[in-house]
Amino acid sequence: MASSFAAVALALGIALATACLTAALMGLIVRAELSARRIVARYDGERSFAVIYGMVAVICQLGAGVAVTSMGYGRDLLGRFRPSMRFSAA
């Protein structure tokens, strides 16, 4: 995920240092997600964590599917990927 954000940052013309910083910050976010897993499991139980994580995973997968489709549609409509990538980065 961090490398995806870095790739988008580079595609939008952002400096390499900023793209690397973006990747590092995304790595910290992933670490925070793992900590949240322990907190939810401790206070709400493993079953609640499974339900919560399942809902988040479904939303992320739907978002990824919509993003890929909209990128292709934007490319067909506008002739370039850049406007679609700028919209998705906003």
Protein backbone atom coordinates (compact mmCIF):
# COMPACT_ATOMS: atom_id res chain seq x y z
CA MET A 1 0.00 0.00 0.00
CA ALA A 2 2.80 2.41 0.85
CA SER A 3 4.50 1.70 -2.46
CA SER A 4 1.20 2.40 -4.27
CA PHE A 5 0.97 5.85 -2.73
CA ALA A 6 4.60 6.50 -3.57
CA ALA A 7 3.94 5.45 -7.19
CA VAL A 8 0.94 7.78 -7.41
CA ALA A 9 3.01 10.60 -5.92
CA LEU A 10 5.74 10.05 -8.50
CA ALA A 11 3.19 9.84 -11.32
CA LEU A 12 1.75 13.18 -10.27
CA GLY A 13 5.17 14.77 -10.53
CA ILE A 14 5.92 15.01 -6.82
CA ALA A 15 9.57 14.95 -5.80
CA LEU A 16 11.26 11.67 -4.94
CA ALA A 17 11.86 12.75 -1.34
CA THR A 18 8.16 13.47 -0.87
CA ALA A 19 7.25 10.10 -2.37
CA CYS A 20 9.63 8.36 0.04
CA LEU A 21 8.15 10.29 2.97
CA THR A 22 4.70 9.22 1.83
CA ALA A 23 5.79 5.58 1.78
CA ALA A 24 7.26 5.89 5.28
CA LEU A 25 4.09 7.47 6.66
CA MET A 26 1.97 4.74 5.09
CA GLY A 27 4.18 2.17 6.80
CA LEU A 28 3.43 3.85 10.14
CA ILE A 29 -0.27 3.70 9.37
CA VAL A 30 -0.04 -0.03 8.73
CA ARG A 31 1.70 -0.43 12.09
CA ALA A 32 -1.11 1.53 13.75
CA GLU A 33 -3.63 -0.83 12.15
CA LEU A 34 -1.89 -3.78 13.74
CA SER A 35 -2.04 -2.05 17.12
CA ALA A 36 -5.76 -1.40 16.62
CA ARG A 37 -6.22 -5.14 16.05
CA ARG A 38 -4.83 -5.88 19.48
CA ILE A 39 -6.98 -3.22 21.13
CA VAL A 40 -10.20 -4.43 19.49
CA ALA A 41 -9.38 -8.05 20.26
CA ARG A 42 -8.63 -7.23 23.89
CA TYR A 43 -11.74 -5.19 24.66
CA ASP A 44 -14.33 -6.60 22.26
CA GLY A 45 -13.08 -10.14 21.71
CA GLU A 46 -11.71 -11.99 18.71
CA ARG A 47 -15.15 -12.47 17.18
CA SER A 48 -15.82 -8.72 17.10
CA PHE A 49 -12.44 -8.13 15.54
CA ALA A 50 -13.20 -10.63 12.80
CA VAL A 51 -16.47 -8.85 11.96
CA ILE A 52 -14.89 -5.38 12.02
CA TYR A 53 -11.87 -6.45 9.99
CA GLY A 54 -14.11 -8.26 7.51
CA MET A 55 -16.19 -5.14 6.93
CA VAL A 56 -13.08 -3.01 6.44
CA ALA A 57 -11.61 -5.57 4.02
CA VAL A 58 -14.81 -5.63 1.95
CA ILE A 59 -14.90 -1.83 1.75
CA CYS A 60 -11.23 -1.70 0.70
CA GLN A 61 -11.73 -4.32 -2.01
CA LEU A 62 -14.82 -2.56 -3.36
CA GLY A 63 -12.88 0.70 -3.41
CA ALA A 64 -10.02 -0.93 -5.29
CA GLY A 65 -12.43 -2.35 -7.87
CA VAL A 66 -14.19 0.96 -8.36
CA ALA A 67 -10.85 2.79 -8.62
CA VAL A 68 -9.52 0.51 -11.36
CA THR A 69 -12.74 0.75 -13.34
CA SER A 70 -12.94 4.52 -13.00
CA MET A 71 -9.28 4.91 -14.02
CA GLY A 72 -9.94 2.98 -17.22
CA TYR A 73 -13.14 4.91 -17.91
CA GLY A 74 -11.34 8.20 -17.30
CA ARG A 75 -8.56 7.15 -19.68
CA ASP A 76 -11.08 6.28 -22.39
CA LEU A 77 -13.02 9.50 -21.87
CA LEU A 78 -10.13 11.96 -21.47
CA GLY A 79 -7.32 10.19 -23.32
CA ARG A 80 -4.90 10.31 -20.36
CA PHE A 81 -4.60 8.82 -16.89
CA ARG A 82 -3.37 12.00 -15.21
CA PRO A 83 -6.80 13.66 -14.57
CA SER A 84 -8.16 10.44 -13.07
CA MET A 85 -5.08 10.00 -10.89
CA ARG A 86 -5.32 13.59 -9.66
CA PHE A 87 -8.96 13.09 -8.79
CA SER A 88 -8.26 9.87 -6.90
CA ALA A 89 -5.36 11.46 -5.01
CA ALA A 90 -7.56 14.35 -3.82
